Amino acid sequence: MKSPTTIAAQIAKLLTEAKKLGRKRLVVIKTIVKQMNAHDISINEVRQAMGKKSTTGRAKKAVTGKPRQSAAVKYRDSEGNTWSGRGRAPRWLMAAEKNGQKRADFAV
């Protein structure tokens, strides 16, 4: 069984190694950024080269390159709250269902 002082020494050694690795990563990242700036390369171009999706813009594009359309409203209450029927049901609809109303009552 290891003593607490031995474990503490191992932790200190690992923390020192982690700091060294962090500094090395920082140097590599700075070098990459310098190269990107020198060659006028954007982060989105790097993402595309890596096969990852771009993060610019709110509307995601479908395979055709056109922005996705927002889902049509399927449910609406008297106060103007709406829900497309996708994802988790909104609070206003869950509260109405608790009060005995049916989801079909709000169908558009």
PDB file of N, CA and C in Angstrom:
ATOM      1  N   MET A   1       0.844  -1.179   0.000  1.00  0.00           N
ATOM      2  CA  MET A   1       0.000   0.000   0.000  1.00  0.00           C
ATOM      3  C   MET A   1       0.891   1.245   0.000  1.00  0.00           C
ATOM      4  N   LYS A   2       0.518   2.214  -0.823  1.00  0.00           N
ATOM      5  CA  LYS A   2       1.320   3.434  -0.950  1.00  0.00           C
ATOM      6  C   LYS A   2       0.951   4.427   0.146  1.00  0.00           C
ATOM      7  N   SER A   3       1.944   5.157   0.558  1.00  0.00           N
ATOM      8  CA  SER A   3       1.702   6.159   1.596  1.00  0.00           C
ATOM      9  C   SER A   3       1.166   7.445   0.946  1.00  0.00           C
ATOM     10  N   PRO A   4       0.501   8.277   1.724  1.00  0.00           N
ATOM     11  CA  PRO A   4      -0.017   9.539   1.197  1.00  0.00           C
ATOM     12  C   PRO A   4       1.081  10.442   0.619  1.00  0.00           C
ATOM     13  N   THR A   5       2.275  10.389   1.208  1.00  0.00           N
ATOM     14  CA  THR A   5       3.366  11.233   0.693  1.00  0.00           C
ATOM     15  C   THR A   5       3.835  10.741  -0.668  1.00  0.00           C
ATOM     16  N   THR A   6       3.850   9.424  -0.873  1.00  0.00           N
ATOM     17  CA  THR A   6       4.231   8.871  -2.180  1.00  0.00           C
ATOM     18  C   THR A   6       3.212   9.266  -3.236  1.00  0.00           C
ATOM     19  N   ILE A   7       1.944   9.163  -2.892  1.00  0.00           N
ATOM     20  CA  ILE A   7       0.874   9.540  -3.830  1.00  0.00           C
ATOM     21  C   ILE A   7       0.944  11.026  -4.140  1.00  0.00           C
ATOM     22  N   ALA A   8       1.194  11.854  -3.127  1.00  0.00           N
ATOM     23  CA  ALA A   8       1.297  13.301  -3.338  1.00  0.00           C
ATOM     24  C   ALA A   8       2.467  13.622  -4.261  1.00  0.00           C
ATOM     25  N   ALA A   9       3.573  12.913  -4.115  1.00  0.00           N
ATOM     26  CA  ALA A   9       4.738  13.130  -4.979  1.00  0.00           C
ATOM     27  C   ALA A   9       4.408  12.748  -6.416  1.00  0.00           C
ATOM     28  N   GLN A  10       3.669  11.644  -6.598  1.00  0.00           N
ATOM     29  CA  GLN A  10       3.275  11.231  -7.937  1.00  0.00           C
ATOM     30  C   GLN A  10       2.338  12.257  -8.574  1.00  0.00           C
ATOM     31  N   ILE A  11       1.428  12.782  -7.786  1.00  0.00           N
ATOM     32  CA  ILE A  11       0.500  13.805  -8.281  1.00  0.00           C
ATOM     33  C   ILE A  11       1.276  15.039  -8.708  1.00  0.00           C
ATOM     34  N   ALA A  12       2.229  15.481  -7.905  1.00  0.00           N
ATOM     35  CA  ALA A  12       3.033  16.660  -8.234  1.00  0.00           C
ATOM     36  C   ALA A  12       3.804  16.438  -9.526  1.00  0.00           C
ATOM     37  N   LYS A  13       4.357  15.237  -9.686  1.00  0.00           N
ATOM     38  CA  LYS A  13       5.117  14.911 -10.899  1.00  0.00           C
ATOM     39  C   LYS A  13       4.201  14.938 -12.120  1.00  0.00           C
ATOM     40  N   LEU A  14       3.009  14.356 -12.002  1.00  0.00           N
ATOM     41  CA  LEU A  14       2.053  14.343 -13.118  1.00  0.00           C
ATOM     42  C   LEU A  14       1.574  15.752 -13.461  1.00  0.00           C
ATOM     43  N   LEU A  15       1.359  16.586 -12.467  1.00  0.00           N
ATOM     44  CA  LEU A  15       0.953  17.965 -12.722  1.00  0.00           C
ATOM     45  C   LEU A  15       2.039  18.730 -13.463  1.00  0.00           C
ATOM     46  N   THR A  16       3.296  18.493 -13.115  1.00  0.00           N
ATOM     47  CA  THR A  16       4.414  19.135 -13.799  1.00  0.00           C
ATOM     48  C   THR A  16       4.473  18.693 -15.260  1.00  0.00           C
ATOM     49  N   GLU A  17       4.283  17.395 -15.493  1.00  0.00           N
ATOM     50  CA  GLU A  17       4.271  16.878 -16.864  1.00  0.00           C
ATOM     51  C   GLU A  17       3.109  17.466 -17.658  1.00  0.00           C
ATOM     52  N   ALA A  18       1.959  17.607 -17.015  1.00  0.00           N
ATOM     53  CA  ALA A  18       0.787  18.173 -17.692  1.00  0.00           C
ATOM     54  C   ALA A  18       1.046  19.619 -18.097  1.00  0.00           C
ATOM     55  N   LYS A  19       1.698  20.387 -17.230  1.00  0.00           N
ATOM     56  CA  LYS A  19       2.026  21.782 -17.564  1.00  0.00           C
ATOM     57  C   LYS A  19       2.969  21.841 -18.751  1.00  0.00           C
ATOM     58  N   LYS A  20       3.967  20.951 -18.790  1.00  0.00           N
ATOM     59  CA  LYS A  20       4.916  20.917 -19.904  1.00  0.00           C
ATOM     60  C   LYS A  20       4.197  20.608 -21.212  1.00  0.00           C
ATOM     61  N   LEU A  21       3.305  19.623 -21.164  1.00  0.00           N
ATOM     62  CA  LEU A  21       2.547  19.271 -22.361  1.00  0.00           C
ATOM     63  C   LEU A  21       1.653  20.432 -22.800  1.00  0.00           C
ATOM     64  N   GLY A  22       1.068  21.122 -21.847  1.00  0.00           N
ATOM     65  CA  GLY A  22       0.222  22.277 -22.164  1.00  0.00           C
ATOM     66  C   GLY A  22       1.018  23.370 -22.857  1.00  0.00           C
ATOM     67  N   ARG A  23       2.231  23.609 -22.392  1.00  0.00           N
ATOM     68  CA  ARG A  23       3.084  24.626 -23.022  1.00  0.00           C
ATOM     69  C   ARG A  23       3.473  24.202 -24.432  1.00  0.00           C
ATOM     70  N   LYS A  24       3.773  22.905 -24.617  1.00  0.00           N
ATOM     71  CA  LYS A  24       4.117  22.412 -25.950  1.00  0.00           C
ATOM     72  C   LYS A  24       2.932  22.580 -26.896  1.00  0.00           C
ATOM     73  N   ARG A  25       1.734  22.265 -26.408  1.00  0.00           N
ATOM     74  CA  ARG A  25       0.519  22.418 -27.240  1.00  0.00           C
ATOM     75  C   ARG A  25       0.326  23.868 -27.632  1.00  0.00           C
ATOM     76  N   LEU A  26       0.554  24.769 -26.690  1.00  0.00           N
ATOM     77  CA  LEU A  26       0.385  26.191 -26.960  1.00  0.00           C
ATOM     78  C   LEU A  26       1.345  26.652 -28.049  1.00  0.00           C
ATOM     79  N   VAL A  27       2.577  26.185 -28.000  1.00  0.00           N
ATOM     80  CA  VAL A  27       3.556  26.540 -29.030  1.00  0.00           C
ATOM     81  C   VAL A  27       3.096  26.024 -30.389  1.00  0.00           C
ATOM     82  N   VAL A  28       2.624  24.800 -30.434  1.00  0.00           N
ATOM     83  CA  VAL A  28       2.149  24.222 -31.700  1.00  0.00           C
ATOM     84  C   VAL A  28       0.949  24.992 -32.224  1.00  0.00           C
ATOM     85  N   ILE A  29       0.011  25.334 -31.359  1.00  0.00           N
ATOM     86  CA  ILE A  29      -1.184  26.081 -31.767  1.00  0.00           C
ATOM     87  C   ILE A  29      -0.792  27.444 -32.318  1.00  0.00           C
ATOM     88  N   LYS A  30       0.133  28.137 -31.652  1.00  0.00           N
ATOM     89  CA  LYS A  30       0.573  29.442 -32.145  1.00  0.00           C
ATOM     90  C   LYS A  30       1.234  29.313 -33.516  1.00  0.00           C
ATOM     91  N   THR A  31       2.005  28.253 -33.721  1.00  0.00           N
ATOM     92  CA  THR A  31       2.643  28.024 -35.016  1.00  0.00           C
ATOM     93  C   THR A  31       1.591  27.788 -36.097  1.00  0.00           C
ATOM     94  N   ILE A  32       0.582  27.003 -35.769  1.00  0.00           N
ATOM     95  CA  ILE A  32      -0.487  26.730 -36.729  1.00  0.00           C
ATOM     96  C   ILE A  32      -1.217  28.019 -37.091  1.00  0.00           C
ATOM     97  N   VAL A  33      -1.523  28.839 -36.102  1.00  0.00           N
ATOM     98  CA  VAL A  33      -2.229  30.102 -36.349  1.00  0.00           C
ATOM     99  C   VAL A  33      -1.382  31.020 -37.232  1.00  0.00           C
ATOM    100  N   LYS A  34      -0.080  31.078 -36.980  1.00  0.00           N
ATOM    101  CA  LYS A  34       0.802  31.900 -37.817  1.00  0.00           C
ATOM    102  C   LYS A  34       0.771  31.414 -39.261  1.00  0.00           C
ATOM    103  N   GLN A  35       0.825  30.103 -39.451  1.00  0.00           N
ATOM    104  CA  GLN A  35       0.791  29.542 -40.801  1.00  0.00           C
ATOM    105  C   GLN A  35      -0.561  29.820 -41.481  1.00  0.00           C
ATOM    106  N   MET A  36      -1.631  29.705 -40.717  1.00  0.00           N
ATOM    107  CA  MET A  36      -2.960  29.990 -41.280  1.00  0.00           C
ATOM    108  C   MET A  36      -3.042  31.448 -41.720  1.00  0.00           C
ATOM    109  N   ASN A  37      -2.538  32.358 -40.888  1.00  0.00           N
ATOM    110  CA  ASN A  37      -2.554  33.776 -41.234  1.00  0.00           C
ATOM    111  C   ASN A  37      -1.668  34.061 -42.441  1.00  0.00           C
ATOM    112  N   ALA A  38      -0.511  33.416 -42.506  1.00  0.00           N
ATOM    113  CA  ALA A  38       0.413  33.643 -43.610  1.00  0.00           C
ATOM    114  C   ALA A  38      -0.170  33.189 -44.938  1.00  0.00           C
ATOM    115  N   HIS A  39      -0.981  32.145 -44.914  1.00  0.00           N
ATOM    116  CA  HIS A  39      -1.558  31.591 -46.139  1.00  0.00           C
ATOM    117  C   HIS A  39      -3.035  31.927 -46.312  1.00  0.00           C
ATOM    118  N   ASP A  40      -3.543  32.820 -45.457  1.00  0.00           N
ATOM    119  CA  ASP A  40      -4.937  33.273 -45.516  1.00  0.00           C
ATOM    120  C   ASP A  40      -5.917  32.090 -45.500  1.00  0.00           C
ATOM    121  N   ILE A  41      -5.743  31.215 -44.516  1.00  0.00           N
ATOM    122  CA  ILE A  41      -6.603  30.038 -44.353  1.00  0.00           C
ATOM    123  C   ILE A  41      -7.540  30.293 -43.180  1.00  0.00           C
ATOM    124  N   SER A  42      -8.835  30.044 -43.396  1.00  0.00           N
ATOM    125  CA  SER A  42      -9.808  30.254 -42.322  1.00  0.00           C
ATOM    126  C   SER A  42     -10.033  28.957 -41.545  1.00  0.00           C
ATOM    127  N   ILE A  43     -10.629  29.110 -40.389  1.00  0.00           N
ATOM    128  CA  ILE A  43     -10.943  27.942 -39.559  1.00  0.00           C
ATOM    129  C   ILE A  43     -11.951  27.047 -40.271  1.00  0.00           C
ATOM    130  N   ASN A  44     -12.887  27.654 -40.994  1.00  0.00           N
ATOM    131  CA  ASN A  44     -13.881  26.860 -41.714  1.00  0.00           C
ATOM    132  C   ASN A  44     -13.237  26.012 -42.803  1.00  0.00           C
ATOM    133  N   GLU A  45     -12.198  26.540 -43.445  1.00  0.00           N
ATOM    134  CA  GLU A  45     -11.488  25.746 -44.453  1.00  0.00           C
ATOM    135  C   GLU A  45     -10.805  24.550 -43.803  1.00  0.00           C
ATOM    136  N   VAL A  46     -10.261  24.753 -42.620  1.00  0.00           N
ATOM    137  CA  VAL A  46      -9.620  23.646 -41.897  1.00  0.00           C
ATOM    138  C   VAL A  46     -10.673  22.620 -41.510  1.00  0.00           C
ATOM    139  N   ARG A  47     -11.816  23.082 -41.033  1.00  0.00           N
ATOM    140  CA  ARG A  47     -12.901  22.166 -40.667  1.00  0.00           C
ATOM    141  C   ARG A  47     -13.340  21.335 -41.868  1.00  0.00           C
ATOM    142  N   GLN A  48     -13.490  21.988 -43.022  1.00  0.00           N
ATOM    143  CA  GLN A  48     -13.893  21.265 -44.227  1.00  0.00           C
ATOM    144  C   GLN A  48     -12.841  20.236 -44.611  1.00  0.00           C
ATOM    145  N   ALA A  49     -11.579  20.596 -44.511  1.00  0.00           N
ATOM    146  CA  ALA A  49     -10.502  19.671 -44.846  1.00  0.00           C
ATOM    147  C   ALA A  49     -10.501  18.466 -43.905  1.00  0.00           C
ATOM    148  N   MET A  50     -10.939  18.687 -42.667  1.00  0.00           N
ATOM    149  CA  MET A  50     -10.993  17.609 -41.685  1.00  0.00           C
ATOM    150  C   MET A  50     -12.301  16.819 -41.776  1.00  0.00           C
ATOM    151  N   GLY A  51     -13.220  17.289 -42.623  1.00  0.00           N
ATOM    152  CA  GLY A  51     -14.497  16.605 -42.770  1.00  0.00           C
ATOM    153  C   GLY A  51     -15.509  16.999 -41.721  1.00  0.00           C
ATOM    154  N   LYS A  52     -15.311  18.145 -41.079  1.00  0.00           N
ATOM    155  CA  LYS A  52     -16.245  18.612 -40.057  1.00  0.00           C
ATOM    156  C   LYS A  52     -17.105  19.724 -40.631  1.00  0.00           C
ATOM    157  N   LYS A  53     -18.254  19.931 -40.017  1.00  0.00           N
ATOM    158  CA  LYS A  53     -19.185  20.949 -40.479  1.00  0.00           C
ATOM    159  C   LYS A  53     -18.738  22.333 -40.064  1.00  0.00           C
ATOM    160  N   SER A  54     -19.086  23.319 -40.865  1.00  0.00           N
ATOM    161  CA  SER A  54     -18.783  24.710 -40.563  1.00  0.00           C
ATOM    162  C   SER A  54     -19.714  25.204 -39.466  1.00  0.00           C
ATOM    163  N   THR A  55     -19.257  26.178 -38.700  1.00  0.00           N
ATOM    164  CA  THR A  55     -20.068  26.700 -37.601  1.00  0.00           C
ATOM    165  C   THR A  55     -20.598  28.086 -37.890  1.00  0.00           C
ATOM    166  N   THR A  56     -20.415  28.599 -39.101  1.00  0.00           N
ATOM    167  CA  THR A  56     -20.876  29.947 -39.393  1.00  0.00           C
ATOM    168  C   THR A  56     -22.344  29.920 -39.792  1.00  0.00           C
ATOM    169  N   GLY A  57     -23.062  30.951 -39.430  1.00  0.00           N
ATOM    170  CA  GLY A  57     -24.465  31.079 -39.801  1.00  0.00           C
ATOM    171  C   GLY A  57     -25.361  30.241 -38.923  1.00  0.00           C
ATOM    172  N   ARG A  58     -26.609  30.683 -38.769  1.00  0.00           N
ATOM    173  CA  ARG A  58     -27.540  29.950 -37.912  1.00  0.00           C
ATOM    174  C   ARG A  58     -28.193  28.801 -38.648  1.00  0.00           C
ATOM    175  N   ALA A  59     -28.615  29.044 -39.905  1.00  0.00           N
ATOM    176  CA  ALA A  59     -29.321  28.006 -40.641  1.00  0.00           C
ATOM    177  C   ALA A  59     -28.327  27.005 -41.208  1.00  0.00           C
ATOM    178  N   LYS A  60     -28.534  25.756 -40.880  1.00  0.00           N
ATOM    179  CA  LYS A  60     -27.656  24.730 -41.417  1.00  0.00           C
ATOM    180  C   LYS A  60     -28.088  24.430 -42.844  1.00  0.00           C
ATOM    181  N   LYS A  61     -27.120  24.060 -43.658  1.00  0.00           N
ATOM    182  CA  LYS A  61     -27.431  23.788 -45.049  1.00  0.00           C
ATOM    183  C   LYS A  61     -27.620  22.295 -45.261  1.00  0.00           C
ATOM    184  N   ALA A  62     -28.581  21.976 -46.103  1.00  0.00           N
ATOM    185  CA  ALA A  62     -28.821  20.588 -46.445  1.00  0.00           C
ATOM    186  C   ALA A  62     -27.781  20.157 -47.473  1.00  0.00           C
ATOM    187  N   VAL A  63     -27.862  18.922 -47.923  1.00  0.00           N
ATOM    188  CA  VAL A  63     -26.909  18.395 -48.894  1.00  0.00           C
ATOM    189  C   VAL A  63     -26.931  19.213 -50.173  1.00  0.00           C
ATOM    190  N   THR A  64     -28.070  19.796 -50.507  1.00  0.00           N
ATOM    191  CA  THR A  64     -28.198  20.572 -51.740  1.00  0.00           C
ATOM    192  C   THR A  64     -27.497  21.916 -51.658  1.00  0.00           C
ATOM    193  N   GLY A  65     -27.091  22.343 -50.476  1.00  0.00           N
ATOM    194  CA  GLY A  65     -26.426  23.631 -50.312  1.00  0.00           C
ATOM    195  C   GLY A  65     -27.391  24.749 -49.962  1.00  0.00           C
ATOM    196  N   LYS A  66     -28.680  24.439 -49.874  1.00  0.00           N
ATOM    197  CA  LYS A  66     -29.676  25.448 -49.527  1.00  0.00           C
ATOM    198  C   LYS A  66     -29.939  25.394 -48.029  1.00  0.00           C
ATOM    199  N   PRO A  67     -30.251  26.542 -47.412  1.00  0.00           N
ATOM    200  CA  PRO A  67     -30.551  26.529 -45.971  1.00  0.00           C
ATOM    201  C   PRO A  67     -31.803  25.706 -45.683  1.00  0.00           C
ATOM    202  N   ARG A  68     -31.813  25.065 -44.531  1.00  0.00           N
ATOM    203  CA  ARG A  68     -32.990  24.290 -44.135  1.00  0.00           C
ATOM    204  C   ARG A  68     -34.145  25.227 -43.839  1.00  0.00           C
ATOM    205  N   GLN A  69     -35.330  24.764 -44.132  1.00  0.00           N
ATOM    206  CA  GLN A  69     -36.523  25.537 -43.829  1.00  0.00           C
ATOM    207  C   GLN A  69     -36.947  25.240 -42.396  1.00  0.00           C
ATOM    208  N   SER A  70     -37.509  26.241 -41.735  1.00  0.00           N
ATOM    209  CA  SER A  70     -37.987  25.998 -40.381  1.00  0.00           C
ATOM    210  C   SER A  70     -39.245  25.132 -40.459  1.00  0.00           C
ATOM    211  N   ALA A  71     -39.474  24.361 -39.416  1.00  0.00           N
ATOM    212  CA  ALA A  71     -40.615  23.455 -39.389  1.00  0.00           C
ATOM    213  C   ALA A  71     -41.913  24.248 -39.278  1.00  0.00           C
ATOM    214  N   ALA A  72     -42.936  23.749 -39.946  1.00  0.00           N
ATOM    215  CA  ALA A  72     -44.239  24.407 -39.918  1.00  0.00           C
ATOM    216  C   ALA A  72     -44.874  24.263 -38.534  1.00  0.00           C
ATOM    217  N   VAL A  73     -45.674  25.255 -38.154  1.00  0.00           N
ATOM    218  CA  VAL A  73     -46.358  25.241 -36.870  1.00  0.00           C
ATOM    219  C   VAL A  73     -47.491  24.221 -36.930  1.00  0.00           C
ATOM    220  N   LYS A  74     -47.537  23.326 -35.937  1.00  0.00           N
ATOM    221  CA  LYS A  74     -48.601  22.321 -35.866  1.00  0.00           C
ATOM    222  C   LYS A  74     -49.555  22.568 -34.704  1.00  0.00           C
ATOM    223  N   TYR A  75     -49.072  23.302 -33.684  1.00  0.00           N
ATOM    224  CA  TYR A  75     -49.902  23.547 -32.493  1.00  0.00           C
ATOM    225  C   TYR A  75     -49.806  25.019 -32.110  1.00  0.00           C
ATOM    226  N   ARG A  76     -50.957  25.604 -31.717  1.00  0.00           N
ATOM    227  CA  ARG A  76     -51.001  27.014 -31.313  1.00  0.00           C
ATOM    228  C   ARG A  76     -52.055  27.172 -30.234  1.00  0.00           C
ATOM    229  N   ASP A  77     -51.759  28.002 -29.226  1.00  0.00           N
ATOM    230  CA  ASP A  77     -52.754  28.264 -28.191  1.00  0.00           C
ATOM    231  C   ASP A  77     -53.345  29.653 -28.398  1.00  0.00           C
ATOM    232  N   SER A  78     -54.280  30.030 -27.532  1.00  0.00           N
ATOM    233  CA  SER A  78     -54.978  31.310 -27.676  1.00  0.00           C
ATOM    234  C   SER A  78     -54.069  32.511 -27.419  1.00  0.00           C
ATOM    235  N   GLU A  79     -52.947  32.300 -26.738  1.00  0.00           N
ATOM    236  CA  GLU A  79     -52.020  33.393 -26.447  1.00  0.00           C
ATOM    237  C   GLU A  79     -50.976  33.582 -27.538  1.00  0.00           C
ATOM    238  N   GLY A  80     -51.011  32.743 -28.570  1.00  0.00           N
ATOM    239  CA  GLY A  80     -50.067  32.875 -29.671  1.00  0.00           C
ATOM    240  C   GLY A  80     -48.837  32.006 -29.555  1.00  0.00           C
ATOM    241  N   ASN A  81     -48.737  31.201 -28.500  1.00  0.00           N
ATOM    242  CA  ASN A  81     -47.608  30.275 -28.372  1.00  0.00           C
ATOM    243  C   ASN A  81     -47.731  29.202 -29.436  1.00  0.00           C
ATOM    244  N   THR A  82     -46.617  28.834 -30.040  1.00  0.00           N
ATOM    245  CA  THR A  82     -46.642  27.832 -31.099  1.00  0.00           C
ATOM    246  C   THR A  82     -45.619  26.746 -30.844  1.00  0.00           C
ATOM    247  N   TRP A  83     -45.837  25.598 -31.515  1.00  0.00           N
ATOM    248  CA  TRP A  83     -44.905  24.485 -31.461  1.00  0.00           C
ATOM    249  C   TRP A  83     -45.014  23.717 -32.755  1.00  0.00           C
ATOM    250  N   SER A  84     -43.878  23.298 -33.288  1.00  0.00           N
ATOM    251  CA  SER A  84     -43.842  22.587 -34.567  1.00  0.00           C
ATOM    252  C   SER A  84     -44.127  21.099 -34.417  1.00  0.00           C
ATOM    253  N   GLY A  85     -44.126  20.604 -33.199  1.00  0.00           N
ATOM    254  CA  GLY A  85     -44.331  19.182 -32.988  1.00  0.00           C
ATOM    255  C   GLY A  85     -43.016  18.418 -32.937  1.00  0.00           C
ATOM    256  N   ARG A  86     -41.924  19.134 -33.096  1.00  0.00           N
ATOM    257  CA  ARG A  86     -40.601  18.499 -33.055  1.00  0.00           C
ATOM    258  C   ARG A  86     -39.957  18.765 -31.701  1.00  0.00           C
ATOM    259  N   GLY A  87     -39.215  17.784 -31.231  1.00  0.00           N
ATOM    260  CA  GLY A  87     -38.520  17.957 -29.959  1.00  0.00           C
ATOM    261  C   GLY A  87     -39.469  17.833 -28.783  1.00  0.00           C
ATOM    262  N   ARG A  88     -38.990  18.275 -27.651  1.00  0.00           N
ATOM    263  CA  ARG A  88     -39.759  18.187 -26.413  1.00  0.00           C
ATOM    264  C   ARG A  88     -40.925  19.170 -26.449  1.00  0.00           C
ATOM    265  N   ALA A  89     -42.058  18.744 -25.935  1.00  0.00           N
ATOM    266  CA  ALA A  89     -43.240  19.605 -25.909  1.00  0.00           C
ATOM    267  C   ALA A  89     -42.976  20.823 -25.025  1.00  0.00           C
ATOM    268  N   PRO A  90     -43.437  22.004 -25.436  1.00  0.00           N
ATOM    269  CA  PRO A  90     -43.200  23.210 -24.636  1.00  0.00           C
ATOM    270  C   PRO A  90     -44.012  23.203 -23.340  1.00  0.00           C
ATOM    271  N   ARG A  91     -43.594  24.055 -22.424  1.00  0.00           N
ATOM    272  CA  ARG A  91     -44.229  24.106 -21.102  1.00  0.00           C
ATOM    273  C   ARG A  91     -45.707  24.467 -21.187  1.00  0.00           C
ATOM    274  N   TRP A  92     -46.044  25.407 -22.072  1.00  0.00           N
ATOM    275  CA  TRP A  92     -47.441  25.829 -22.152  1.00  0.00           C
ATOM    276  C   TRP A  92     -48.334  24.661 -22.564  1.00  0.00           C
ATOM    277  N   LEU A  93     -47.844  23.782 -23.438  1.00  0.00           N
ATOM    278  CA  LEU A  93     -48.641  22.644 -23.874  1.00  0.00           C
ATOM    279  C   LEU A  93     -48.707  21.565 -22.793  1.00  0.00           C
ATOM    280  N   MET A  94     -47.604  21.327 -22.125  1.00  0.00           N
ATOM    281  CA  MET A  94     -47.607  20.340 -21.042  1.00  0.00           C
ATOM    282  C   MET A  94     -48.529  20.782 -19.906  1.00  0.00           C
ATOM    283  N   ALA A  95     -48.544  22.084 -19.597  1.00  0.00           N
ATOM    284  CA  ALA A  95     -49.422  22.596 -18.539  1.00  0.00           C
ATOM    285  C   ALA A  95     -50.886  22.425 -18.936  1.00  0.00           C
ATOM    286  N   ALA A  96     -51.195  22.697 -20.204  1.00  0.00           N
ATOM    287  CA  ALA A  96     -52.572  22.551 -20.677  1.00  0.00           C
ATOM    288  C   ALA A  96     -53.008  21.084 -20.612  1.00  0.00           C
ATOM    289  N   GLU A  97     -52.093  20.176 -20.958  1.00  0.00           N
ATOM    290  CA  GLU A  97     -52.426  18.756 -20.895  1.00  0.00           C
ATOM    291  C   GLU A  97     -52.639  18.303 -19.448  1.00  0.00           C
ATOM    292  N   LYS A  98     -51.892  18.882 -18.522  1.00  0.00           N
ATOM    293  CA  LYS A  98     -52.087  18.557 -17.105  1.00  0.00           C
ATOM    294  C   LYS A  98     -53.467  19.014 -16.630  1.00  0.00           C
ATOM    295  N   ASN A  99     -53.955  20.108 -17.225  1.00  0.00           N
ATOM    296  CA  ASN A  99     -55.256  20.658 -16.846  1.00  0.00           C
ATOM    297  C   ASN A  99     -56.403  19.958 -17.567  1.00  0.00           C
ATOM    298  N   GLY A 100     -56.104  18.874 -18.285  1.00  0.00           N
ATOM    299  CA  GLY A 100     -57.171  18.081 -18.892  1.00  0.00           C
ATOM    300  C   GLY A 100     -57.412  18.336 -20.365  1.00  0.00           C
ATOM    301  N   GLN A 101     -56.741  19.305 -20.959  1.00  0.00           N
ATOM    302  CA  GLN A 101     -56.940  19.548 -22.387  1.00  0.00           C
ATOM    303  C   GLN A 101     -56.137  18.530 -23.191  1.00  0.00           C
ATOM    304  N   LYS A 102     -56.581  18.331 -24.421  1.00  0.00           N
ATOM    305  CA  LYS A 102     -55.892  17.369 -25.281  1.00  0.00           C
ATOM    306  C   LYS A 102     -55.027  18.120 -26.285  1.00  0.00           C
ATOM    307  N   ARG A 103     -53.956  17.460 -26.706  1.00  0.00           N
ATOM    308  CA  ARG A 103     -53.042  18.053 -27.677  1.00  0.00           C
ATOM    309  C   ARG A 103     -53.780  18.392 -28.974  1.00  0.00           C
ATOM    310  N   ALA A 104     -54.745  17.570 -29.345  1.00  0.00           N
ATOM    311  CA  ALA A 104     -55.508  17.805 -30.563  1.00  0.00           C
ATOM    312  C   ALA A 104     -56.286  19.127 -30.522  1.00  0.00           C
ATOM    313  N   ASP A 105     -56.598  19.615 -29.305  1.00  0.00           N
ATOM    314  CA  ASP A 105     -57.321  20.884 -29.174  1.00  0.00           C
ATOM    315  C   ASP A 105     -56.495  22.063 -29.697  1.00  0.00           C
ATOM    316  N   PHE A 106     -55.171  21.902 -29.743  1.00  0.00           N
ATOM    317  CA  PHE A 106     -54.295  22.987 -30.153  1.00  0.00           C
ATOM    318  C   PHE A 106     -53.790  22.834 -31.595  1.00  0.00           C
ATOM    319  N   ALA A 107     -54.222  21.787 -32.270  1.00  0.00           N
ATOM    320  CA  ALA A 107     -53.755  21.537 -33.639  1.00  0.00           C
ATOM    321  C   ALA A 107     -54.187  22.669 -34.564  1.00  0.00           C
ATOM    322  N   VAL A 108     -53.283  23.053 -35.450  1.00  0.00           N
ATOM    323  CA  VAL A 108     -53.558  24.151 -36.401  1.00  0.00           C
ATOM    324  C   VAL A 108     -54.238  23.573 -37.616  1.00  0.00           C
TER     325      VAL A 108
END
